Each structure stands twice: as structure tokens, then as C-alpha cells.
Protein backbone atom coordinates (compact mmCIF):
# COMPACT_ATOMS: atom_id res chain seq x y z
CA UNK A 1 -0.04 0.03 -0.07
CA UNK A 2 1.36 3.28 -1.01
CA UNK A 3 1.86 5.88 1.80
CA UNK A 4 2.01 8.89 -0.19
CA UNK A 5 -0.56 10.19 -2.65
CA UNK A 6 0.52 10.25 -6.38
CA UNK A 7 0.51 13.91 -6.27
CA UNK A 8 2.72 14.17 -3.17
CA UNK A 9 4.96 11.30 -4.54
CA UNK A 10 5.24 13.49 -7.76
CA UNK A 11 6.01 16.58 -5.79
CA UNK A 12 8.95 14.93 -3.79
CA UNK A 13 10.41 13.31 -7.13
CA UNK A 14 10.31 16.83 -8.77
CA UNK A 15 12.15 18.24 -5.67
CA UNK A 16 15.09 15.73 -6.33
CA UNK A 17 18.06 18.00 -7.42
CA UNK A 18 20.26 17.00 -10.40
CA UNK A 19 22.92 19.66 -9.87
CA UNK A 20 24.50 21.03 -6.83
CA UNK A 21 23.61 18.35 -4.46
CA UNK A 22 24.81 18.18 -0.97
CA UNK A 23 27.29 15.64 -1.87
CA UNK A 24 28.54 17.52 -4.97
CA UNK A 25 28.83 20.91 -2.74
CA UNK A 26 30.86 18.87 -0.11
CA UNK A 27 33.29 17.53 -2.51
CA UNK A 28 33.82 20.65 -4.26
CA UNK A 29 34.46 22.35 -1.15
CA UNK A 30 37.15 19.76 -0.28
CA UNK A 31 38.83 20.32 -3.58
CA UNK A 32 38.51 24.26 -3.45
CA UNK A 33 40.16 24.25 0.04
CA UNK A 34 42.85 22.07 -1.08
CA UNK A 35 43.62 24.47 -4.06
CA UNK A 36 42.13 22.53 -6.93
CA UNK A 37 40.10 24.57 -9.45
CA UNK A 38 37.28 22.76 -11.24
CA UNK A 39 34.30 23.16 -13.72
CA UNK A 40 30.91 22.04 -12.77
CA UNK A 41 28.49 19.88 -14.92
CA UNK A 42 30.40 20.30 -18.31
CA UNK A 43 28.04 19.66 -20.99
CA UNK A 44 30.39 18.94 -23.56
CA UNK A 45 31.63 15.90 -22.13
CA UNK A 46 29.63 12.50 -22.18
CA UNK A 47 27.51 12.22 -18.95
CA UNK A 48 28.03 15.90 -18.05
CA UNK A 49 30.36 15.09 -15.15
CA UNK A 50 29.66 16.71 -11.66
CA UNK A 51 33.14 17.95 -11.34
CA UNK A 52 35.85 18.28 -13.94
CA UNK A 53 39.45 19.00 -13.30
CA UNK A 54 40.30 19.94 -16.67
CA UNK A 55 44.10 20.68 -16.10
CA UNK A 56 44.50 16.89 -15.23
CA UNK A 57 41.79 15.44 -17.47
CA UNK A 58 39.62 14.13 -14.57
CA UNK A 59 35.91 13.46 -14.50
CA UNK A 60 34.18 13.06 -11.15
CA UNK A 61 30.73 11.94 -10.72
CA UNK A 62 28.86 11.89 -7.28
CA UNK A 63 26.35 9.27 -7.45
CA UNK A 64 23.48 8.61 -5.17
CA UNK A 65 23.20 5.14 -3.97
CA UNK A 66 19.57 4.55 -4.97
CA UNK A 67 19.47 6.01 -8.43
CA UNK A 68 22.80 4.49 -9.51
CA UNK A 69 22.15 0.95 -7.80
CA UNK A 70 24.89 0.69 -5.31
CA UNK A 71 24.91 -3.05 -4.19
CA UNK A 72 22.68 -3.78 -7.05
CA UNK A 73 22.02 -7.28 -6.33
CA UNK A 74 20.82 -6.53 -2.82
CA UNK A 75 18.76 -3.35 -3.85
CA UNK A 76 16.95 -5.07 -6.81
CA UNK A 77 15.56 -7.63 -4.41
CA UNK A 78 14.11 -5.05 -2.08
CA UNK A 79 12.92 -2.94 -5.07
CA UNK A 80 11.02 -5.91 -6.54
CA UNK A 81 8.76 -6.03 -3.23
CA UNK A 82 7.68 -2.56 -3.66
CA UNK A 83 4.51 -1.28 -5.45
CA UNK A 84 6.35 0.05 -8.35
CA UNK A 85 9.15 -2.25 -8.33
CA UNK A 86 9.46 -2.97 -12.16
CA UNK A 87 9.57 0.64 -12.97
CA UNK A 88 12.45 1.25 -10.51
CA UNK A 89 14.30 -1.87 -11.44
CA UNK A 90 14.08 -0.88 -15.22
CA UNK A 91 15.08 2.75 -14.45
CA UNK A 92 18.05 1.88 -12.12
CA UNK A 93 19.32 -0.62 -14.58
CA UNK A 94 19.15 1.68 -17.47
CA UNK A 95 21.03 4.26 -15.35
CA UNK A 96 23.79 1.69 -14.55
CA UNK A 97 24.10 0.83 -18.23
CA UNK A 98 24.47 4.68 -19.10
CA UNK A 99 26.93 5.10 -16.49
CA UNK A 100 29.01 2.33 -17.86
CA UNK A 101 28.68 3.77 -21.45
CA UNK A 102 29.70 7.25 -20.29
CA UNK A 103 32.80 5.92 -18.15
CA UNK A 104 33.85 4.06 -21.54
CA UNK A 105 33.39 6.96 -23.57
CA UNK A 106 35.46 9.25 -21.33
CA UNK A 107 38.26 6.76 -20.85
CA UNK A 108 38.31 6.43 -24.76
CA UNK A 109 38.84 10.09 -24.95
CA UNK A 110 41.91 9.83 -22.25
CA UNK A 111 39.88 11.18 -19.26
CA UNK A 112 40.23 9.44 -15.96
CA UNK A 113 36.88 8.64 -14.43
CA UNK A 114 36.22 8.96 -10.66
CA UNK A 115 32.88 7.77 -9.34
CA UNK A 116 32.07 8.30 -5.50
CA UNK A 117 28.92 7.00 -3.53
CA UNK A 118 27.24 9.76 -1.79
CA UNK A 119 27.36 8.16 1.57
CA UNK A 120 31.17 7.66 1.15
CA UNK A 121 31.39 11.52 0.34
CA UNK A 122 29.41 12.47 3.39
CA UNK A 123 31.35 9.86 5.88
CA UNK A 124 34.75 9.99 4.31
CA UNK A 125 35.47 13.22 2.59
CA UNK A 126 39.19 13.24 3.22
CA UNK A 127 39.57 9.73 1.83
CA UNK A 128 37.67 10.84 -1.47
CA UNK A 129 40.10 13.68 -1.66
CA UNK A 130 42.96 11.59 -1.25
CA UNK A 131 41.74 9.25 -4.19
CA UNK A 132 41.42 12.44 -6.28
CA UNK A 133 44.97 13.69 -5.55
CA UNK A 134 46.37 10.41 -6.14
CA UNK A 135 44.44 10.24 -9.55
CA UNK A 136 46.04 13.79 -10.11
CA UNK A 137 49.59 12.44 -9.66
CA UNK A 138 48.89 9.72 -12.05
CA UNK A 139 47.41 11.91 -14.64
CA UNK A 140 50.33 14.39 -14.32
CA UNK A 141 52.77 11.57 -15.05
CA UNK A 142 50.77 10.49 -17.89
CA UNK A 143 50.59 13.74 -19.31
CA UNK A 144 54.23 14.49 -18.83
CA UNK A 145 55.26 11.32 -20.43
CA UNK A 146 53.00 12.04 -23.60
CA UNK A 147 54.66 15.67 -23.70
CA UNK A 148 58.01 14.06 -23.74
CA UNK A 149 57.01 11.48 -26.35
CA UNK A 150 55.97 14.08 -28.74
CA UNK A 151 59.51 15.91 -28.55
């Protein structure tokens, strides 16, 4: 049995933000205070990454656990018991497929791709920053190597 009326559920779903979510803002603040500059929601890149470090060719996505299907094998069993289980199962599977396609496109264009779960950003923002900084070092080395190979 549905607890919310269809109108109320629709209103709730409309209020879910696609940009500048709390997890994105938290991670961006960490980056900014560490001295890294970035661009937000770059429309010219596949998947419109939430954060882009253009200098290092790094795309960062801040994914919510539900809509991007964290622990999908467990989550889909729970979803199938809900009133609109088939709708959500299809939607989340399409999101996961799209995420994989976007990752592949970006990698083929020589971008590093990082995806963080929202709860990880909230609980472990310093560790997320550390992963980004490690990726920056890898990208720096890669870009330097490409520069010297061209000469």
C-alpha cells in the first residue's frame, strides 16, 4: 500500500536535485580548500560530469546509492517487493548501463573517471580527496610522459 498520494510522490520526485546536490557541494568545497580548481556539470563531455578537473583530465561523478544502484544485487531484491518495483528496477538498470557507457566514452577520450557514492563522500570526504589527489598524480605523470614522447 502506498503511503504517499500520487500527487505528493510526484512533488517529492520533482524536488530531487540533479545539480549542486549536498554531496557535490561537499566534495567541491574539499577540492577548493585544497587549492584545486574545477568546472561543474560540463555539458560538452559525455554524462555531464559533476566535477571536472580540466588541467588533469579528470571527471568526477557523485552518485546517489539508490538511483545508481549501489549493491545492485541486494537492492533489486528489495525494490521488486515495492509497489512500483518493475519501474524502479528498469530505471536503475538503465542508469547503470548509461553510467558504464559514459565511463567507457570518457576513458576512450583519455579522461580519468572517478565515481564516488554519496554516503562515502559524506562519511569519508578526506579519503575521497586523497583518491582524487592520487589520480591527479597519475594523470600528471601520464601527461608529462605524453609531452616528452612528442618531442
